[in-house]
């Protein structure tokens, strides 16, 4: 099952409990996969919040059974190195530094780090030391904010 399908399945669960689903990481690892769910709330996230969402998500996963084999479920706050999954999330953090790893190389590179300069549709522009680079969100393997900056989007 792809990330988007898990997002579609689990977003109403998180929202129904009063949380924002930031995103889902699905890491297939043979017979023991990992599903990591990031949630957020305007008042922050506590361990109790993670436990509440974990219980509800586990119940939905047991009924829907979207993953074959065994998996470990983790529910977490986004943290300082907040993962970025969608174009609107990049837009929310314009002016902040992001680290991005692409699925396929662009100009011979897969790793980029720069200031989020703009978002046009599904294309994120990062301002790097030597040039601006346009990166399609759909081709990103992983993207995170780089801690240490003042978060303009919060």
C-alpha atoms as a PDB file:
ATOM      1  CA  UNK A   1       0.000   0.000   0.000  1.00  0.00           C
ATOM      2  CA  UNK A   2       1.376   3.405  -0.959  1.00  0.00           C
ATOM      3  CA  UNK A   3       1.752   6.432   1.323  1.00  0.00           C
ATOM      4  CA  UNK A   4      -1.177   8.261  -0.267  1.00  0.00           C
ATOM      5  CA  UNK A   5      -3.558   5.352   0.302  1.00  0.00           C
ATOM      6  CA  UNK A   6      -2.517   5.187   3.968  1.00  0.00           C
ATOM      7  CA  UNK A   7      -2.965   8.969   4.233  1.00  0.00           C
ATOM      8  CA  UNK A   8      -6.462   8.683   2.766  1.00  0.00           C
ATOM      9  CA  UNK A   9      -7.345   5.886   5.193  1.00  0.00           C
ATOM     10  CA  UNK A  10      -5.868   7.472   8.331  1.00  0.00           C
ATOM     11  CA  UNK A  11      -6.491  11.215   7.877  1.00  0.00           C
ATOM     12  CA  UNK A  12     -10.171  11.009   8.921  1.00  0.00           C
ATOM     13  CA  UNK A  13      -9.139   9.005  12.006  1.00  0.00           C
ATOM     14  CA  UNK A  14      -6.681  11.685  13.177  1.00  0.00           C
ATOM     15  CA  UNK A  15      -9.027  14.551  12.310  1.00  0.00           C
ATOM     16  CA  UNK A  16     -11.912  12.817  14.062  1.00  0.00           C
ATOM     17  CA  UNK A  17      -9.836  12.881  17.253  1.00  0.00           C
ATOM     18  CA  UNK A  18      -9.007  16.581  16.758  1.00  0.00           C
ATOM     19  CA  UNK A  19      -5.487  16.259  15.300  1.00  0.00           C
ATOM     20  CA  UNK A  20      -3.889  17.200  11.999  1.00  0.00           C
ATOM     21  CA  UNK A  21      -2.333  14.291  10.110  1.00  0.00           C
ATOM     22  CA  UNK A  22       1.007  15.726   8.970  1.00  0.00           C
ATOM     23  CA  UNK A  23       1.892  12.599   7.012  1.00  0.00           C
ATOM     24  CA  UNK A  24       2.581   8.879   6.990  1.00  0.00           C
ATOM     25  CA  UNK A  25       5.862   7.098   6.354  1.00  0.00           C
ATOM     26  CA  UNK A  26       5.568   3.489   5.203  1.00  0.00           C
ATOM     27  CA  UNK A  27       8.849   1.611   5.324  1.00  0.00           C
ATOM     28  CA  UNK A  28       8.469  -1.974   4.072  1.00  0.00           C
ATOM     29  CA  UNK A  29      11.174  -4.140   5.644  1.00  0.00           C
ATOM     30  CA  UNK A  30      10.486  -7.694   4.564  1.00  0.00           C
ATOM     31  CA  UNK A  31       7.932  -9.275   6.856  1.00  0.00           C
ATOM     32  CA  UNK A  32       8.266  -6.550   9.518  1.00  0.00           C
ATOM     33  CA  UNK A  33       7.281  -3.177   8.094  1.00  0.00           C
ATOM     34  CA  UNK A  34       7.159   0.171   9.876  1.00  0.00           C
ATOM     35  CA  UNK A  35       4.303   2.654   9.667  1.00  0.00           C
ATOM     36  CA  UNK A  36       5.158   6.024  11.219  1.00  0.00           C
ATOM     37  CA  UNK A  37       2.339   8.543  11.573  1.00  0.00           C
ATOM     38  CA  UNK A  38       3.039  12.213  12.324  1.00  0.00           C
ATOM     39  CA  UNK A  39       0.277  14.204  14.019  1.00  0.00           C
ATOM     40  CA  UNK A  40       0.086  17.801  15.143  1.00  0.00           C
ATOM     41  CA  UNK A  41      -2.204  20.063  17.163  1.00  0.00           C
ATOM     42  CA  UNK A  42      -2.143  23.796  17.823  1.00  0.00           C
ATOM     43  CA  UNK A  43      -1.442  23.046  21.512  1.00  0.00           C
ATOM     44  CA  UNK A  44       1.371  20.600  20.720  1.00  0.00           C
ATOM     45  CA  UNK A  45       1.450  16.818  21.046  1.00  0.00           C
ATOM     46  CA  UNK A  46       1.834  14.797  24.253  1.00  0.00           C
ATOM     47  CA  UNK A  47       2.572  11.115  24.778  1.00  0.00           C
ATOM     48  CA  UNK A  48      -1.109  10.680  25.685  1.00  0.00           C
ATOM     49  CA  UNK A  49      -2.122  12.200  22.328  1.00  0.00           C
ATOM     50  CA  UNK A  50       0.099   9.699  20.516  1.00  0.00           C
ATOM     51  CA  UNK A  51      -1.348   6.815  22.520  1.00  0.00           C
ATOM     52  CA  UNK A  52      -4.928   7.905  21.783  1.00  0.00           C
ATOM     53  CA  UNK A  53      -4.275   8.140  18.035  1.00  0.00           C
ATOM     54  CA  UNK A  54      -2.316   4.871  18.063  1.00  0.00           C
ATOM     55  CA  UNK A  55      -5.227   2.972  19.651  1.00  0.00           C
ATOM     56  CA  UNK A  56      -7.729   4.354  17.135  1.00  0.00           C
ATOM     57  CA  UNK A  57      -5.433   3.815  14.129  1.00  0.00           C
ATOM     58  CA  UNK A  58      -4.704   0.232  15.269  1.00  0.00           C
ATOM     59  CA  UNK A  59      -8.428  -0.505  15.376  1.00  0.00           C
ATOM     60  CA  UNK A  60      -8.933   0.893  11.853  1.00  0.00           C
ATOM     61  CA  UNK A  61      -5.884  -0.978  10.535  1.00  0.00           C
ATOM     62  CA  UNK A  62      -7.175  -4.236  12.046  1.00  0.00           C
ATOM     63  CA  UNK A  63     -10.532  -3.803  10.286  1.00  0.00           C
ATOM     64  CA  UNK A  64      -9.242  -2.478   6.934  1.00  0.00           C
ATOM     65  CA  UNK A  65      -6.076  -4.662   6.892  1.00  0.00           C
ATOM     66  CA  UNK A  66      -4.222  -2.503   4.311  1.00  0.00           C
ATOM     67  CA  UNK A  67      -0.767  -4.002   5.003  1.00  0.00           C
ATOM     68  CA  UNK A  68       0.108  -7.629   4.402  1.00  0.00           C
ATOM     69  CA  UNK A  69       2.338  -9.161   7.041  1.00  0.00           C
ATOM     70  CA  UNK A  70       3.398  -7.747  10.375  1.00  0.00           C
ATOM     71  CA  UNK A  71       4.202  -4.109  10.994  1.00  0.00           C
ATOM     72  CA  UNK A  72       5.155  -1.785  13.799  1.00  0.00           C
ATOM     73  CA  UNK A  73       2.998   1.305  14.241  1.00  0.00           C
ATOM     74  CA  UNK A  74       4.558   4.513  15.572  1.00  0.00           C
ATOM     75  CA  UNK A  75       2.671   7.750  16.230  1.00  0.00           C
ATOM     76  CA  UNK A  76       4.793  10.850  16.741  1.00  0.00           C
ATOM     77  CA  UNK A  77       4.787  14.617  16.790  1.00  0.00           C
ATOM     78  CA  UNK A  78       6.573  16.210  13.819  1.00  0.00           C
ATOM     79  CA  UNK A  79       9.400  17.500  16.048  1.00  0.00           C
ATOM     80  CA  UNK A  80      11.899  20.218  15.193  1.00  0.00           C
ATOM     81  CA  UNK A  81      13.027  18.420  12.040  1.00  0.00           C
ATOM     82  CA  UNK A  82       9.412  18.279  10.862  1.00  0.00           C
ATOM     83  CA  UNK A  83       8.897  16.057   7.826  1.00  0.00           C
ATOM     84  CA  UNK A  84       7.304  17.730   4.810  1.00  0.00           C
ATOM     85  CA  UNK A  85       5.001  15.619   2.661  1.00  0.00           C
ATOM     86  CA  UNK A  86       2.919  18.032   0.557  1.00  0.00           C
ATOM     87  CA  UNK A  87       3.265  21.288  -1.385  1.00  0.00           C
ATOM     88  CA  UNK A  88       1.017  23.156   1.124  1.00  0.00           C
ATOM     89  CA  UNK A  89       3.322  22.049   3.950  1.00  0.00           C
ATOM     90  CA  UNK A  90       6.316  23.522   2.093  1.00  0.00           C
ATOM     91  CA  UNK A  91       4.288  26.699   1.531  1.00  0.00           C
ATOM     92  CA  UNK A  92       3.504  26.887   5.261  1.00  0.00           C
ATOM     93  CA  UNK A  93       7.244  26.994   5.986  1.00  0.00           C
ATOM     94  CA  UNK A  94       8.409  29.455   3.304  1.00  0.00           C
ATOM     95  CA  UNK A  95      11.680  31.055   4.358  1.00  0.00           C
ATOM     96  CA  UNK A  96      12.803  28.041   6.394  1.00  0.00           C
ATOM     97  CA  UNK A  97      15.625  25.686   5.461  1.00  0.00           C
ATOM     98  CA  UNK A  98      14.684  22.233   4.168  1.00  0.00           C
ATOM     99  CA  UNK A  99      16.696  19.133   3.404  1.00  0.00           C
ATOM    100  CA  UNK A 100      15.310  17.027   0.528  1.00  0.00           C
ATOM    101  CA  UNK A 101      16.283  13.620  -0.844  1.00  0.00           C
ATOM    102  CA  UNK A 102      14.884  12.835  -4.309  1.00  0.00           C
ATOM    103  CA  UNK A 103      13.896   9.407  -5.650  1.00  0.00           C
ATOM    104  CA  UNK A 104      15.783  10.127  -8.892  1.00  0.00           C
ATOM    105  CA  UNK A 105      18.725  12.475  -9.487  1.00  0.00           C
ATOM    106  CA  UNK A 106      18.178  16.022 -10.737  1.00  0.00           C
ATOM    107  CA  UNK A 107      21.259  17.523 -12.396  1.00  0.00           C
ATOM    108  CA  UNK A 108      23.222  14.538 -11.088  1.00  0.00           C
ATOM    109  CA  UNK A 109      22.171  15.045  -7.439  1.00  0.00           C
ATOM    110  CA  UNK A 110      19.665  13.390  -5.148  1.00  0.00           C
ATOM    111  CA  UNK A 111      20.248  15.478  -1.985  1.00  0.00           C
ATOM    112  CA  UNK A 112      19.441  19.177  -1.716  1.00  0.00           C
ATOM    113  CA  UNK A 113      19.395  21.660   1.144  1.00  0.00           C
ATOM    114  CA  UNK A 114      18.268  25.240   0.900  1.00  0.00           C
ATOM    115  CA  UNK A 115      15.761  27.870   1.911  1.00  0.00           C
ATOM    116  CA  UNK A 116      12.190  27.234   0.787  1.00  0.00           C
ATOM    117  CA  UNK A 117      11.764  30.124  -1.651  1.00  0.00           C
ATOM    118  CA  UNK A 118       8.463  29.293  -3.304  1.00  0.00           C
ATOM    119  CA  UNK A 119       5.844  26.733  -4.238  1.00  0.00           C
ATOM    120  CA  UNK A 120       4.152  26.635  -7.639  1.00  0.00           C
ATOM    121  CA  UNK A 121       1.606  23.863  -7.889  1.00  0.00           C
ATOM    122  CA  UNK A 122       3.549  20.720  -7.050  1.00  0.00           C
ATOM    123  CA  UNK A 123       7.016  22.257  -7.586  1.00  0.00           C
ATOM    124  CA  UNK A 124       9.065  23.535  -4.639  1.00  0.00           C
ATOM    125  CA  UNK A 125      11.869  26.045  -5.244  1.00  0.00           C
ATOM    126  CA  UNK A 126      14.813  25.836  -2.878  1.00  0.00           C
ATOM    127  CA  UNK A 127      17.330  28.692  -2.793  1.00  0.00           C
ATOM    128  CA  UNK A 128      20.723  27.052  -2.468  1.00  0.00           C
ATOM    129  CA  UNK A 129      24.141  28.709  -2.157  1.00  0.00           C
ATOM    130  CA  UNK A 130      24.924  28.570  -5.864  1.00  0.00           C
ATOM    131  CA  UNK A 131      21.459  28.573  -7.498  1.00  0.00           C
ATOM    132  CA  UNK A 132      17.740  28.003  -7.139  1.00  0.00           C
ATOM    133  CA  UNK A 133      16.502  24.482  -7.823  1.00  0.00           C
ATOM    134  CA  UNK A 134      12.959  23.310  -8.647  1.00  0.00           C
ATOM    135  CA  UNK A 135      11.963  19.998  -7.070  1.00  0.00           C
ATOM    136  CA  UNK A 136       8.694  18.134  -7.756  1.00  0.00           C
ATOM    137  CA  UNK A 137       7.042  17.022  -4.506  1.00  0.00           C
ATOM    138  CA  UNK A 138       5.891  13.728  -6.101  1.00  0.00           C
ATOM    139  CA  UNK A 139       9.511  12.733  -6.756  1.00  0.00           C
ATOM    140  CA  UNK A 140      10.711  13.453  -3.211  1.00  0.00           C
ATOM    141  CA  UNK A 141      11.791  10.426  -1.211  1.00  0.00           C
ATOM    142  CA  UNK A 142      12.118  12.391   2.034  1.00  0.00           C
ATOM    143  CA  UNK A 143      11.977  16.047   3.044  1.00  0.00           C
ATOM    144  CA  UNK A 144      12.474  17.691   6.430  1.00  0.00           C
ATOM    145  CA  UNK A 145      12.897  21.119   7.940  1.00  0.00           C
ATOM    146  CA  UNK A 146      16.418  21.730   9.217  1.00  0.00           C
ATOM    147  CA  UNK A 147      16.312  22.582  12.953  1.00  0.00           C
ATOM    148  CA  UNK A 148      17.866  25.784  14.180  1.00  0.00           C
ATOM    149  CA  UNK A 149      15.813  28.229  12.126  1.00  0.00           C
ATOM    150  CA  UNK A 150      12.956  30.322  13.425  1.00  0.00           C
ATOM    151  CA  UNK A 151       9.870  28.671  11.988  1.00  0.00           C
ATOM    152  CA  UNK A 152       8.082  31.328   9.977  1.00  0.00           C
ATOM    153  CA  UNK A 153       5.021  29.095   9.554  1.00  0.00           C
ATOM    154  CA  UNK A 154       4.183  28.675  13.241  1.00  0.00           C
END
